[in-house]
Amino acid sequence: MAPTATAAACERDVEKLEFIEEMTKNFDAEQVRVLAEILARNNGAEYLRRHGMEGRTDRPSFKARVPVVTYEDLHPEIDRIANGDRSNIISSHPITEFLTRYVIGRLFNFNRFRSMVQLTVD
C-alpha cells in the first residue's frame, strides 16, 4: 500500500473505533434504562409478581429476586399461553401468538417448536 493509502486506511479505522467507543461507552446505563422500562411495562405480570417484583424496576432487585431459568422452567407458563390463556402470565399485555424464526406466515402448535421464540403481544 502506498503511504497515503495506508494513512487513509488508518484514519478510517480510527474513525470506526471512535464510533464503536461512542456507541458502547454508556452501555451499562442503557441496560439499566431498558430493564427498568421493561419491568415498568410488565409490572402486572404474574411471573414478576411471583418473584416479588411488584413496582420494582431496579436491576439489584431484579437480580436478587428473579432467577435465571431454562425453557423447561418456563414450560408450564408457555403451555398456558399456547393453550389460549390470555391472562398476564409473563407480560402485562396478552400474548396472542408465538412465532419462530423457522416458521413464517402460519400458525402452528408451539410445543413442536422450541427454538428461536419470539412473543407477539397485543
PDB file of N, CA and C in Angstrom:
ATOM      1  N   MET A   1       0.830  -1.176   0.000  1.00  0.00           N
ATOM      2  CA  MET A   1       0.000   0.000   0.000  1.00  0.00           C
ATOM      3  C   MET A   1       0.879   1.244   0.000  1.00  0.00           C
ATOM      4  N   ALA A   2       0.487   2.231  -0.757  1.00  0.00           N
ATOM      5  CA  ALA A   2       1.228   3.489  -0.791  1.00  0.00           C
ATOM      6  C   ALA A   2       1.032   4.206   0.544  1.00  0.00           C
ATOM      7  N   PRO A   3       1.985   5.059   0.928  1.00  0.00           N
ATOM      8  CA  PRO A   3       1.894   5.748   2.219  1.00  0.00           C
ATOM      9  C   PRO A   3       0.581   6.513   2.410  1.00  0.00           C
ATOM     10  N   THR A   4       0.084   7.183   1.372  1.00  0.00           N
ATOM     11  CA  THR A   4      -1.158   7.948   1.526  1.00  0.00           C
ATOM     12  C   THR A   4      -2.356   7.020   1.689  1.00  0.00           C
ATOM     13  N   ALA A   5      -2.336   5.886   0.985  1.00  0.00           N
ATOM     14  CA  ALA A   5      -3.434   4.922   1.125  1.00  0.00           C
ATOM     15  C   ALA A   5      -3.417   4.309   2.520  1.00  0.00           C
ATOM     16  N   THR A   6      -2.240   4.023   3.035  1.00  0.00           N
ATOM     17  CA  THR A   6      -2.106   3.459   4.376  1.00  0.00           C
ATOM     18  C   THR A   6      -2.611   4.448   5.419  1.00  0.00           C
ATOM     19  N   ALA A   7      -2.232   5.716   5.265  1.00  0.00           N
ATOM     20  CA  ALA A   7      -2.679   6.743   6.203  1.00  0.00           C
ATOM     21  C   ALA A   7      -4.199   6.887   6.158  1.00  0.00           C
ATOM     22  N   ALA A   8      -4.775   6.852   4.957  1.00  0.00           N
ATOM     23  CA  ALA A   8      -6.230   6.971   4.817  1.00  0.00           C
ATOM     24  C   ALA A   8      -6.928   5.774   5.458  1.00  0.00           C
ATOM     25  N   ALA A   9      -6.375   4.571   5.279  1.00  0.00           N
ATOM     26  CA  ALA A   9      -6.954   3.359   5.873  1.00  0.00           C
ATOM     27  C   ALA A   9      -6.896   3.447   7.394  1.00  0.00           C
ATOM     28  N   CYS A  10      -5.762   3.905   7.921  1.00  0.00           N
ATOM     29  CA  CYS A  10      -5.620   4.050   9.370  1.00  0.00           C
ATOM     30  C   CYS A  10      -6.605   5.075   9.922  1.00  0.00           C
ATOM     31  N   GLU A  11      -6.791   6.165   9.176  1.00  0.00           N
ATOM     32  CA  GLU A  11      -7.732   7.203   9.607  1.00  0.00           C
ATOM     33  C   GLU A  11      -9.153   6.652   9.642  1.00  0.00           C
ATOM     34  N   ARG A  12      -9.520   5.862   8.629  1.00  0.00           N
ATOM     35  CA  ARG A  12     -10.846   5.239   8.613  1.00  0.00           C
ATOM     36  C   ARG A  12     -11.004   4.278   9.791  1.00  0.00           C
ATOM     37  N   ASP A  13      -9.949   3.532  10.085  1.00  0.00           N
ATOM     38  CA  ASP A  13     -10.001   2.613  11.219  1.00  0.00           C
ATOM     39  C   ASP A  13     -10.186   3.378  12.524  1.00  0.00           C
ATOM     40  N   VAL A  14      -9.484   4.491  12.668  1.00  0.00           N
ATOM     41  CA  VAL A  14      -9.614   5.309  13.871  1.00  0.00           C
ATOM     42  C   VAL A  14     -11.042   5.829  13.993  1.00  0.00           C
ATOM     43  N   GLU A  15     -11.612   6.285  12.889  1.00  0.00           N
ATOM     44  CA  GLU A  15     -12.989   6.778  12.907  1.00  0.00           C
ATOM     45  C   GLU A  15     -13.962   5.671  13.306  1.00  0.00           C
ATOM     46  N   LYS A  16     -13.750   4.475  12.798  1.00  0.00           N
ATOM     47  CA  LYS A  16     -14.615   3.337  13.136  1.00  0.00           C
ATOM     48  C   LYS A  16     -14.488   2.989  14.616  1.00  0.00           C
ATOM     49  N   LEU A  17     -13.264   2.972  15.105  1.00  0.00           N
ATOM     50  CA  LEU A  17     -13.052   2.674  16.517  1.00  0.00           C
ATOM     51  C   LEU A  17     -13.652   3.748  17.418  1.00  0.00           C
ATOM     52  N   GLU A  18     -13.544   4.993  17.017  1.00  0.00           N
ATOM     53  CA  GLU A  18     -14.152   6.082  17.788  1.00  0.00           C
ATOM     54  C   GLU A  18     -15.676   5.945  17.797  1.00  0.00           C
ATOM     55  N   PHE A  19     -16.258   5.563  16.667  1.00  0.00           N
ATOM     56  CA  PHE A  19     -17.705   5.344  16.587  1.00  0.00           C
ATOM     57  C   PHE A  19     -18.126   4.221  17.536  1.00  0.00           C
ATOM     58  N   ILE A  20     -17.393   3.105  17.504  1.00  0.00           N
ATOM     59  CA  ILE A  20     -17.707   1.970  18.386  1.00  0.00           C
ATOM     60  C   ILE A  20     -17.585   2.395  19.847  1.00  0.00           C
ATOM     61  N   GLU A  21     -16.541   3.132  20.167  1.00  0.00           N
ATOM     62  CA  GLU A  21     -16.347   3.611  21.535  1.00  0.00           C
ATOM     63  C   GLU A  21     -17.503   4.506  21.971  1.00  0.00           C
ATOM     64  N   GLU A  22     -17.920   5.402  21.110  1.00  0.00           N
ATOM     65  CA  GLU A  22     -19.027   6.318  21.423  1.00  0.00           C
ATOM     66  C   GLU A  22     -20.334   5.553  21.641  1.00  0.00           C
ATOM     67  N   MET A  23     -20.584   4.552  20.804  1.00  0.00           N
ATOM     68  CA  MET A  23     -21.836   3.796  20.885  1.00  0.00           C
ATOM     69  C   MET A  23     -21.888   2.861  22.093  1.00  0.00           C
ATOM     70  N   THR A  24     -20.731   2.475  22.615  1.00  0.00           N
ATOM     71  CA  THR A  24     -20.716   1.493  23.698  1.00  0.00           C
ATOM     72  C   THR A  24     -20.272   2.045  25.045  1.00  0.00           C
ATOM     73  N   LYS A  25     -19.910   3.302  25.113  1.00  0.00           N
ATOM     74  CA  LYS A  25     -19.357   3.801  26.374  1.00  0.00           C
ATOM     75  C   LYS A  25     -20.398   3.881  27.487  1.00  0.00           C
ATOM     76  N   ASN A  26     -21.663   3.998  27.168  1.00  0.00           N
ATOM     77  CA  ASN A  26     -22.709   4.080  28.194  1.00  0.00           C
ATOM     78  C   ASN A  26     -23.618   2.857  28.181  1.00  0.00           C
ATOM     79  N   PHE A  27     -23.070   1.704  27.784  1.00  0.00           N
ATOM     80  CA  PHE A  27     -23.915   0.526  27.653  1.00  0.00           C
ATOM     81  C   PHE A  27     -24.561   0.131  28.968  1.00  0.00           C
ATOM     82  N   ASP A  28     -23.852   0.273  30.075  1.00  0.00           N
ATOM     83  CA  ASP A  28     -24.412  -0.129  31.357  1.00  0.00           C
ATOM     84  C   ASP A  28     -25.627   0.717  31.714  1.00  0.00           C
ATOM     85  N   ALA A  29     -25.512   2.017  31.546  1.00  0.00           N
ATOM     86  CA  ALA A  29     -26.645   2.905  31.830  1.00  0.00           C
ATOM     87  C   ALA A  29     -27.817   2.597  30.915  1.00  0.00           C
ATOM     88  N   GLU A  30     -27.538   2.278  29.669  1.00  0.00           N
ATOM     89  CA  GLU A  30     -28.599   1.940  28.711  1.00  0.00           C
ATOM     90  C   GLU A  30     -29.274   0.629  29.112  1.00  0.00           C
ATOM     91  N   GLN A  31     -28.505  -0.355  29.554  1.00  0.00           N
ATOM     92  CA  GLN A  31     -29.094  -1.607  30.004  1.00  0.00           C
ATOM     93  C   GLN A  31     -29.991  -1.385  31.219  1.00  0.00           C
ATOM     94  N   VAL A  32     -29.543  -0.561  32.141  1.00  0.00           N
ATOM     95  CA  VAL A  32     -30.349  -0.243  33.329  1.00  0.00           C
ATOM     96  C   VAL A  32     -31.647   0.424  32.910  1.00  0.00           C
ATOM     97  N   ARG A  33     -31.573   1.359  31.965  1.00  0.00           N
ATOM     98  CA  ARG A  33     -32.761   2.072  31.495  1.00  0.00           C
ATOM     99  C   ARG A  33     -33.739   1.117  30.812  1.00  0.00           C
ATOM    100  N   VAL A  34     -33.226   0.260  29.934  1.00  0.00           N
ATOM    101  CA  VAL A  34     -34.095  -0.669  29.200  1.00  0.00           C
ATOM    102  C   VAL A  34     -34.741  -1.666  30.156  1.00  0.00           C
ATOM    103  N   LEU A  35     -33.974  -2.205  31.108  1.00  0.00           N
ATOM    104  CA  LEU A  35     -34.553  -3.127  32.081  1.00  0.00           C
ATOM    105  C   LEU A  35     -35.659  -2.449  32.883  1.00  0.00           C
ATOM    106  N   ALA A  36     -35.412  -1.232  33.345  1.00  0.00           N
ATOM    107  CA  ALA A  36     -36.429  -0.501  34.110  1.00  0.00           C
ATOM    108  C   ALA A  36     -37.684  -0.289  33.272  1.00  0.00           C
ATOM    109  N   GLU A  37     -37.517   0.014  32.003  1.00  0.00           N
ATOM    110  CA  GLU A  37     -38.658   0.210  31.106  1.00  0.00           C
ATOM    111  C   GLU A  37     -39.446  -1.089  30.933  1.00  0.00           C
ATOM    112  N   ILE A  38     -38.752  -2.190  30.728  1.00  0.00           N
ATOM    113  CA  ILE A  38     -39.418  -3.490  30.566  1.00  0.00           C
ATOM    114  C   ILE A  38     -40.155  -3.872  31.842  1.00  0.00           C
ATOM    115  N   LEU A  39     -39.501  -3.694  32.988  1.00  0.00           N
ATOM    116  CA  LEU A  39     -40.133  -4.051  34.258  1.00  0.00           C
ATOM    117  C   LEU A  39     -41.333  -3.163  34.555  1.00  0.00           C
ATOM    118  N   ALA A  40     -41.232  -1.875  34.268  1.00  0.00           N
ATOM    119  CA  ALA A  40     -42.365  -0.973  34.486  1.00  0.00           C
ATOM    120  C   ALA A  40     -43.532  -1.344  33.580  1.00  0.00           C
ATOM    121  N   ARG A  41     -43.254  -1.659  32.333  1.00  0.00           N
ATOM    122  CA  ARG A  41     -44.286  -2.003  31.361  1.00  0.00           C
ATOM    123  C   ARG A  41     -44.987  -3.315  31.722  1.00  0.00           C
ATOM    124  N   ASN A  42     -44.262  -4.224  32.361  1.00  0.00           N
ATOM    125  CA  ASN A  42     -44.802  -5.545  32.668  1.00  0.00           C
ATOM    126  C   ASN A  42     -45.020  -5.761  34.158  1.00  0.00           C
ATOM    127  N   ASN A  43     -45.192  -4.682  34.882  1.00  0.00           N
ATOM    128  CA  ASN A  43     -45.351  -4.727  36.327  1.00  0.00           C
ATOM    129  C   ASN A  43     -46.492  -5.641  36.773  1.00  0.00           C
ATOM    130  N   GLY A  44     -47.532  -5.770  35.965  1.00  0.00           N
ATOM    131  CA  GLY A  44     -48.667  -6.595  36.334  1.00  0.00           C
ATOM    132  C   GLY A  44     -48.537  -8.058  35.976  1.00  0.00           C
ATOM    133  N   ALA A  45     -47.405  -8.460  35.441  1.00  0.00           N
ATOM    134  CA  ALA A  45     -47.238  -9.850  35.012  1.00  0.00           C
ATOM    135  C   ALA A  45     -47.159 -10.789  36.217  1.00  0.00           C
ATOM    136  N   GLU A  46     -47.874 -11.883  36.102  1.00  0.00           N
ATOM    137  CA  GLU A  46     -47.896 -12.903  37.152  1.00  0.00           C
ATOM    138  C   GLU A  46     -46.483 -13.364  37.513  1.00  0.00           C
ATOM    139  N   TYR A  47     -45.666 -13.589  36.507  1.00  0.00           N
ATOM    140  CA  TYR A  47     -44.309 -14.097  36.727  1.00  0.00           C
ATOM    141  C   TYR A  47     -43.499 -13.135  37.592  1.00  0.00           C
ATOM    142  N   LEU A  48     -43.558 -11.847  37.303  1.00  0.00           N
ATOM    143  CA  LEU A  48     -42.805 -10.872  38.094  1.00  0.00           C
ATOM    144  C   LEU A  48     -43.374 -10.737  39.501  1.00  0.00           C
ATOM    145  N   ARG A  49     -44.694 -10.783  39.633  1.00  0.00           N
ATOM    146  CA  ARG A  49     -45.310 -10.724  40.971  1.00  0.00           C
ATOM    147  C   ARG A  49     -44.885 -11.924  41.810  1.00  0.00           C
ATOM    148  N   ARG A  50     -44.855 -13.099  41.191  1.00  0.00           N
ATOM    149  CA  ARG A  50     -44.463 -14.321  41.889  1.00  0.00           C
ATOM    150  C   ARG A  50     -43.060 -14.192  42.487  1.00  0.00           C
ATOM    151  N   HIS A  51     -42.223 -13.401  41.841  1.00  0.00           N
ATOM    152  CA  HIS A  51     -40.850 -13.234  42.314  1.00  0.00           C
ATOM    153  C   HIS A  51     -40.659 -11.943  43.108  1.00  0.00           C
ATOM    154  N   GLY A  52     -41.746 -11.331  43.540  1.00  0.00           N
ATOM    155  CA  GLY A  52     -41.652 -10.165  44.415  1.00  0.00           C
ATOM    156  C   GLY A  52     -41.216  -8.889  43.744  1.00  0.00           C
ATOM    157  N   MET A  53     -41.540  -8.725  42.467  1.00  0.00           N
ATOM    158  CA  MET A  53     -41.096  -7.540  41.734  1.00  0.00           C
ATOM    159  C   MET A  53     -42.165  -6.460  41.619  1.00  0.00           C
ATOM    160  N   GLU A  54     -43.268  -6.571  42.379  1.00  0.00           N
ATOM    161  CA  GLU A  54     -44.334  -5.572  42.265  1.00  0.00           C
ATOM    162  C   GLU A  54     -43.782  -4.162  42.455  1.00  0.00           C
ATOM    163  N   GLY A  55     -43.861  -3.355  41.431  1.00  0.00           N
ATOM    164  CA  GLY A  55     -43.441  -1.963  41.494  1.00  0.00           C
ATOM    165  C   GLY A  55     -41.937  -1.740  41.447  1.00  0.00           C
ATOM    166  N   ARG A  56     -41.156  -2.778  41.491  1.00  0.00           N
ATOM    167  CA  ARG A  56     -39.697  -2.620  41.455  1.00  0.00           C
ATOM    168  C   ARG A  56     -39.225  -2.603  40.000  1.00  0.00           C
ATOM    169  N   THR A  57     -38.346  -1.656  39.702  1.00  0.00           N
ATOM    170  CA  THR A  57     -37.823  -1.562  38.339  1.00  0.00           C
ATOM    171  C   THR A  57     -36.302  -1.468  38.317  1.00  0.00           C
ATOM    172  N   ASP A  58     -35.664  -1.721  39.445  1.00  0.00           N
ATOM    173  CA  ASP A  58     -34.210  -1.576  39.507  1.00  0.00           C
ATOM    174  C   ASP A  58     -33.500  -2.913  39.296  1.00  0.00           C
ATOM    175  N   ARG A  59     -32.298  -2.841  38.764  1.00  0.00           N
ATOM    176  CA  ARG A  59     -31.514  -4.031  38.460  1.00  0.00           C
ATOM    177  C   ARG A  59     -31.161  -4.842  39.705  1.00  0.00           C
ATOM    178  N   PRO A  60     -30.751  -4.221  40.828  1.00  0.00           N
ATOM    179  CA  PRO A  60     -30.432  -5.048  42.002  1.00  0.00           C
ATOM    180  C   PRO A  60     -31.620  -5.900  42.481  1.00  0.00           C
ATOM    181  N   SER A  61     -32.813  -5.330  42.469  1.00  0.00           N
ATOM    182  CA  SER A  61     -33.998  -6.103  42.869  1.00  0.00           C
ATOM    183  C   SER A  61     -34.251  -7.239  41.892  1.00  0.00           C
ATOM    184  N   PHE A  62     -34.130  -6.953  40.608  1.00  0.00           N
ATOM    185  CA  PHE A  62     -34.343  -7.975  39.586  1.00  0.00           C
ATOM    186  C   PHE A  62     -33.343  -9.118  39.759  1.00  0.00           C
ATOM    187  N   LYS A  63     -32.075  -8.779  39.923  1.00  0.00           N
ATOM    188  CA  LYS A  63     -31.046  -9.806  40.066  1.00  0.00           C
ATOM    189  C   LYS A  63     -31.237 -10.629  41.336  1.00  0.00           C
ATOM    190  N   ALA A  64     -31.698  -9.991  42.401  1.00  0.00           N
ATOM    191  CA  ALA A  64     -31.871 -10.687  43.672  1.00  0.00           C
ATOM    192  C   ALA A  64     -33.121 -11.565  43.698  1.00  0.00           C
ATOM    193  N   ARG A  65     -34.159 -11.187  42.932  1.00  0.00           N
ATOM    194  CA  ARG A  65     -35.447 -11.868  43.053  1.00  0.00           C
ATOM    195  C   ARG A  65     -35.792 -12.809  41.897  1.00  0.00           C
ATOM    196  N   VAL A  66     -35.363 -12.484  40.704  1.00  0.00           N
ATOM    197  CA  VAL A  66     -35.782 -13.263  39.538  1.00  0.00           C
ATOM    198  C   VAL A  66     -34.646 -14.210  39.141  1.00  0.00           C
ATOM    199  N   PRO A  67     -34.891 -15.513  39.223  1.00  0.00           N
ATOM    200  CA  PRO A  67     -33.816 -16.465  38.945  1.00  0.00           C
ATOM    201  C   PRO A  67     -33.535 -16.610  37.453  1.00  0.00           C
ATOM    202  N   VAL A  68     -32.343 -17.066  37.138  1.00  0.00           N
ATOM    203  CA  VAL A  68     -32.010 -17.460  35.770  1.00  0.00           C
ATOM    204  C   VAL A  68     -32.732 -18.780  35.537  1.00  0.00           C
ATOM    205  N   VAL A  69     -33.445 -18.886  34.415  1.00  0.00           N
ATOM    206  CA  VAL A  69     -34.263 -20.075  34.157  1.00  0.00           C
ATOM    207  C   VAL A  69     -33.983 -20.645  32.782  1.00  0.00           C
ATOM    208  N   THR A  70     -34.455 -21.866  32.592  1.00  0.00           N
ATOM    209  CA  THR A  70     -34.356 -22.530  31.297  1.00  0.00           C
ATOM    210  C   THR A  70     -35.742 -22.592  30.674  1.00  0.00           C
ATOM    211  N   TYR A  71     -35.785 -23.041  29.455  1.00  0.00           N
ATOM    212  CA  TYR A  71     -37.066 -23.252  28.784  1.00  0.00           C
ATOM    213  C   TYR A  71     -37.935 -24.183  29.615  1.00  0.00           C
ATOM    214  N   GLU A  72     -37.350 -25.259  30.113  1.00  0.00           N
ATOM    215  CA  GLU A  72     -38.118 -26.242  30.887  1.00  0.00           C
ATOM    216  C   GLU A  72     -38.733 -25.610  32.125  1.00  0.00           C
ATOM    217  N   ASP A  73     -38.022 -24.673  32.754  1.00  0.00           N
ATOM    218  CA  ASP A  73     -38.564 -23.991  33.922  1.00  0.00           C
ATOM    219  C   ASP A  73     -39.817 -23.197  33.575  1.00  0.00           C
ATOM    220  N   LEU A  74     -39.852 -22.638  32.378  1.00  0.00           N
ATOM    221  CA  LEU A  74     -40.980 -21.809  31.943  1.00  0.00           C
ATOM    222  C   LEU A  74     -42.033 -22.595  31.169  1.00  0.00           C
ATOM    223  N   HIS A  75     -41.806 -23.873  30.984  1.00  0.00           N
ATOM    224  CA  HIS A  75     -42.707 -24.684  30.170  1.00  0.00           C
ATOM    225  C   HIS A  75     -44.167 -24.598  30.626  1.00  0.00           C
ATOM    226  N   PRO A  76     -44.468 -24.645  31.935  1.00  0.00           N
ATOM    227  CA  PRO A  76     -45.877 -24.533  32.343  1.00  0.00           C
ATOM    228  C   PRO A  76     -46.519 -23.210  31.908  1.00  0.00           C
ATOM    229  N   GLU A  77     -45.787 -22.116  32.033  1.00  0.00           N
ATOM    230  CA  GLU A  77     -46.328 -20.820  31.617  1.00  0.00           C
ATOM    231  C   GLU A  77     -46.507 -20.778  30.100  1.00  0.00           C
ATOM    232  N   ILE A  78     -45.537 -21.303  29.383  1.00  0.00           N
ATOM    233  CA  ILE A  78     -45.616 -21.320  27.919  1.00  0.00           C
ATOM    234  C   ILE A  78     -46.791 -22.175  27.463  1.00  0.00           C
ATOM    235  N   ASP A  79     -46.982 -23.310  28.103  1.00  0.00           N
ATOM    236  CA  ASP A  79     -48.132 -24.162  27.763  1.00  0.00           C
ATOM    237  C   ASP A  79     -49.444 -23.433  27.991  1.00  0.00           C
ATOM    238  N   ARG A  80     -49.549 -22.726  29.106  1.00  0.00           N
ATOM    239  CA  ARG A  80     -50.786 -21.973  29.373  1.00  0.00           C
ATOM    240  C   ARG A  80     -51.069 -20.973  28.255  1.00  0.00           C
ATOM    241  N   ILE A  81     -50.030 -20.260  27.843  1.00  0.00           N
ATOM    242  CA  ILE A  81     -50.198 -19.265  26.782  1.00  0.00           C
ATOM    243  C   ILE A  81     -50.549 -19.961  25.471  1.00  0.00           C
ATOM    244  N   ALA A  82     -49.832 -21.039  25.154  1.00  0.00           N
ATOM    245  CA  ALA A  82     -50.081 -21.774  23.907  1.00  0.00           C
ATOM    246  C   ALA A  82     -51.489 -22.357  23.875  1.00  0.00           C
ATOM    247  N   ASN A  83     -52.033 -22.650  25.043  1.00  0.00           N
ATOM    248  CA  ASN A  83     -53.383 -23.208  25.122  1.00  0.00           C
ATOM    249  C   ASN A  83     -54.462 -22.140  25.222  1.00  0.00           C
ATOM    250  N   GLY A  84     -54.096 -20.888  25.014  1.00  0.00           N
ATOM    251  CA  GLY A  84     -55.087 -19.834  24.910  1.00  0.00           C
ATOM    252  C   GLY A  84     -55.298 -18.972  26.134  1.00  0.00           C
ATOM    253  N   ASP A  85     -54.574 -19.190  27.207  1.00  0.00           N
ATOM    254  CA  ASP A  85     -54.715 -18.357  28.403  1.00  0.00           C
ATOM    255  C   ASP A  85     -54.182 -16.967  28.075  1.00  0.00           C
ATOM    256  N   ARG A  86     -55.060 -15.959  28.114  1.00  0.00           N
ATOM    257  CA  ARG A  86     -54.662 -14.594  27.746  1.00  0.00           C
ATOM    258  C   ARG A  86     -54.438 -13.710  28.968  1.00  0.00           C
ATOM    259  N   SER A  87     -54.320 -14.331  30.157  1.00  0.00           N
ATOM    260  CA  SER A  87     -54.051 -13.533  31.348  1.00  0.00           C
ATOM    261  C   SER A  87     -52.596 -13.055  31.321  1.00  0.00           C
ATOM    262  N   ASN A  88     -52.267 -12.197  32.249  1.00  0.00           N
ATOM    263  CA  ASN A  88     -50.938 -11.571  32.290  1.00  0.00           C
ATOM    264  C   ASN A  88     -49.912 -12.514  32.916  1.00  0.00           C
ATOM    265  N   ILE A  89     -49.591 -13.559  32.226  1.00  0.00           N
ATOM    266  CA  ILE A  89     -48.704 -14.594  32.766  1.00  0.00           C
ATOM    267  C   ILE A  89     -47.263 -14.111  32.806  1.00  0.00           C
ATOM    268  N   ILE A  90     -46.713 -13.738  31.666  1.00  0.00           N
ATOM    269  CA  ILE A  90     -45.316 -13.274  31.611  1.00  0.00           C
ATOM    270  C   ILE A  90     -45.206 -11.872  31.024  1.00  0.00           C
ATOM    271  N   SER A  91     -46.328 -11.280  30.708  1.00  0.00           N
ATOM    272  CA  SER A  91     -46.361  -9.935  30.127  1.00  0.00           C
ATOM    273  C   SER A  91     -47.636  -9.250  30.592  1.00  0.00           C
ATOM    274  N   SER A  92     -47.585  -7.943  30.768  1.00  0.00           N
ATOM    275  CA  SER A  92     -48.790  -7.210  31.138  1.00  0.00           C
ATOM    276  C   SER A  92     -49.750  -7.061  29.973  1.00  0.00           C
ATOM    277  N   HIS A  93     -49.307  -7.454  28.791  1.00  0.00           N
ATOM    278  CA  HIS A  93     -50.138  -7.400  27.600  1.00  0.00           C
ATOM    279  C   HIS A  93     -50.391  -8.827  27.144  1.00  0.00           C
ATOM    280  N   PRO A  94     -51.600  -9.135  26.722  1.00  0.00           N
ATOM    281  CA  PRO A  94     -51.883 -10.507  26.285  1.00  0.00           C
ATOM    282  C   PRO A  94     -50.982 -10.920  25.119  1.00  0.00           C
ATOM    283  N   ILE A  95     -50.462 -12.128  25.206  1.00  0.00           N
ATOM    284  CA  ILE A  95     -49.668 -12.688  24.117  1.00  0.00           C
ATOM    285  C   ILE A  95     -50.634 -13.402  23.198  1.00  0.00           C
ATOM    286  N   THR A  96     -50.642 -13.015  21.945  1.00  0.00           N
ATOM    287  CA  THR A  96     -51.640 -13.540  21.016  1.00  0.00           C
ATOM    288  C   THR A  96     -51.120 -14.626  20.102  1.00  0.00           C
ATOM    289  N   GLU A  97     -49.802 -14.731  19.950  1.00  0.00           N
ATOM    290  CA  GLU A  97     -49.266 -15.775  19.091  1.00  0.00           C
ATOM    291  C   GLU A  97     -47.791 -15.973  19.384  1.00  0.00           C
ATOM    292  N   PHE A  98     -47.304 -17.147  19.069  1.00  0.00           N
ATOM    293  CA  PHE A  98     -45.890 -17.463  19.147  1.00  0.00           C
ATOM    294  C   PHE A  98     -45.371 -17.592  17.718  1.00  0.00           C
ATOM    295  N   LEU A  99     -44.198 -17.083  17.501  1.00  0.00           N
ATOM    296  CA  LEU A  99     -43.564 -17.209  16.194  1.00  0.00           C
ATOM    297  C   LEU A  99     -42.158 -17.743  16.404  1.00  0.00           C
ATOM    298  N   THR A 100     -41.631 -18.451  15.423  1.00  0.00           N
ATOM    299  CA  THR A 100     -40.226 -18.810  15.447  1.00  0.00           C
ATOM    300  C   THR A 100     -39.596 -18.301  14.171  1.00  0.00           C
ATOM    301  N   ARG A 101     -38.311 -18.235  14.177  1.00  0.00           N
ATOM    302  CA  ARG A 101     -37.578 -17.782  13.006  1.00  0.00           C
ATOM    303  C   ARG A 101     -37.761 -18.760  11.852  1.00  0.00           C
ATOM    304  N   TYR A 102     -38.104 -20.002  12.159  1.00  0.00           N
ATOM    305  CA  TYR A 102     -38.180 -21.038  11.148  1.00  0.00           C
ATOM    306  C   TYR A 102     -39.578 -21.246  10.565  1.00  0.00           C
ATOM    307  N   VAL A 103     -40.569 -20.670  11.174  1.00  0.00           N
ATOM    308  CA  VAL A 103     -41.937 -20.819  10.682  1.00  0.00           C
ATOM    309  C   VAL A 103     -42.453 -19.421  10.387  1.00  0.00           C
ATOM    310  N   ILE A 104     -42.761 -19.174   9.135  1.00  0.00           N
ATOM    311  CA  ILE A 104     -43.181 -17.839   8.729  1.00  0.00           C
ATOM    312  C   ILE A 104     -44.568 -17.922   8.113  1.00  0.00           C
ATOM    313  N   GLY A 105     -45.468 -17.062   8.586  1.00  0.00           N
ATOM    314  CA  GLY A 105     -46.756 -16.896   7.933  1.00  0.00           C
ATOM    315  C   GLY A 105     -47.784 -17.983   8.194  1.00  0.00           C
ATOM    316  N   ARG A 106     -47.590 -18.803   9.224  1.00  0.00           N
ATOM    317  CA  ARG A 106     -48.632 -19.767   9.518  1.00  0.00           C
ATOM    318  C   ARG A 106     -48.648 -20.067  11.010  1.00  0.00           C
ATOM    319  N   LEU A 107     -49.812 -20.431  11.506  1.00  0.00           N
ATOM    320  CA  LEU A 107     -49.945 -20.790  12.904  1.00  0.00           C
ATOM    321  C   LEU A 107     -49.481 -22.227  13.084  1.00  0.00           C
ATOM    322  N   PHE A 108     -49.027 -22.552  14.260  1.00  0.00           N
ATOM    323  CA  PHE A 108     -48.534 -23.897  14.484  1.00  0.00           C
ATOM    324  C   PHE A 108     -48.683 -24.255  15.945  1.00  0.00           C
ATOM    325  N   ASN A 109     -48.500 -25.505  16.265  1.00  0.00           N
ATOM    326  CA  ASN A 109     -48.507 -25.985  17.630  1.00  0.00           C
ATOM    327  C   ASN A 109     -47.159 -25.641  18.251  1.00  0.00           C
ATOM    328  N   PHE A 110     -47.158 -24.735  19.216  1.00  0.00           N
ATOM    329  CA  PHE A 110     -45.906 -24.250  19.789  1.00  0.00           C
ATOM    330  C   PHE A 110     -45.072 -25.367  20.397  1.00  0.00           C
ATOM    331  N   ASN A 111     -45.710 -26.378  20.954  1.00  0.00           N
ATOM    332  CA  ASN A 111     -44.961 -27.446  21.603  1.00  0.00           C
ATOM    333  C   ASN A 111     -44.025 -28.163  20.635  1.00  0.00           C
ATOM    334  N   ARG A 112     -44.263 -28.060  19.340  1.00  0.00           N
ATOM    335  CA  ARG A 112     -43.401 -28.695  18.347  1.00  0.00           C
ATOM    336  C   ARG A 112     -42.178 -27.846  18.027  1.00  0.00           C
ATOM    337  N   PHE A 113     -42.203 -26.565  18.403  1.00  0.00           N
ATOM    338  CA  PHE A 113     -41.103 -25.656  18.059  1.00  0.00           C
ATOM    339  C   PHE A 113     -40.617 -24.963  19.319  1.00  0.00           C
ATOM    340  N   ARG A 114     -39.394 -25.246  19.721  1.00  0.00           N
ATOM    341  CA  ARG A 114     -38.896 -24.693  20.974  1.00  0.00           C
ATOM    342  C   ARG A 114     -37.737 -23.723  20.804  1.00  0.00           C
ATOM    343  N   SER A 115     -37.238 -23.541  19.615  1.00  0.00           N
ATOM    344  CA  SER A 115     -36.078 -22.675  19.468  1.00  0.00           C
ATOM    345  C   SER A 115     -36.446 -21.352  18.805  1.00  0.00           C
ATOM    346  N   MET A 116     -35.679 -20.340  19.098  1.00  0.00           N
ATOM    347  CA  MET A 116     -35.803 -19.025  18.487  1.00  0.00           C
ATOM    348  C   MET A 116     -37.205 -18.459  18.631  1.00  0.00           C
ATOM    349  N   VAL A 117     -37.718 -18.413  19.840  1.00  0.00           N
ATOM    350  CA  VAL A 117     -39.088 -17.985  20.095  1.00  0.00           C
ATOM    351  C   VAL A 117     -39.162 -16.466  20.169  1.00  0.00           C
ATOM    352  N   GLN A 118     -40.158 -15.924  19.516  1.00  0.00           N
ATOM    353  CA  GLN A 118     -40.457 -14.500  19.602  1.00  0.00           C
ATOM    354  C   GLN A 118     -41.906 -14.402  20.047  1.00  0.00           C
ATOM    355  N   LEU A 119     -42.199 -13.566  21.035  1.00  0.00           N
ATOM    356  CA  LEU A 119     -43.563 -13.401  21.506  1.00  0.00           C
ATOM    357  C   LEU A 119     -44.158 -12.162  20.863  1.00  0.00           C
ATOM    358  N   THR A 120     -45.401 -12.271  20.434  1.00  0.00           N
ATOM    359  CA  THR A 120     -46.110 -11.132  19.885  1.00  0.00           C
ATOM    360  C   THR A 120     -47.181 -10.738  20.885  1.00  0.00           C
ATOM    361  N   VAL A 121     -47.215  -9.477  21.260  1.00  0.00           N
ATOM    362  CA  VAL A 121     -48.204  -9.011  22.233  1.00  0.00           C
ATOM    363  C   VAL A 121     -49.157  -8.044  21.572  1.00  0.00           C
ATOM    364  N   ASP A 122     -50.384  -7.997  22.126  1.00  0.00           N
ATOM    365  CA  ASP A 122     -51.378  -7.044  21.624  1.00  0.00           C
ATOM    366  C   ASP A 122     -50.984  -5.642  22.011  1.00  0.00           C
TER     367      ASP A 122
END
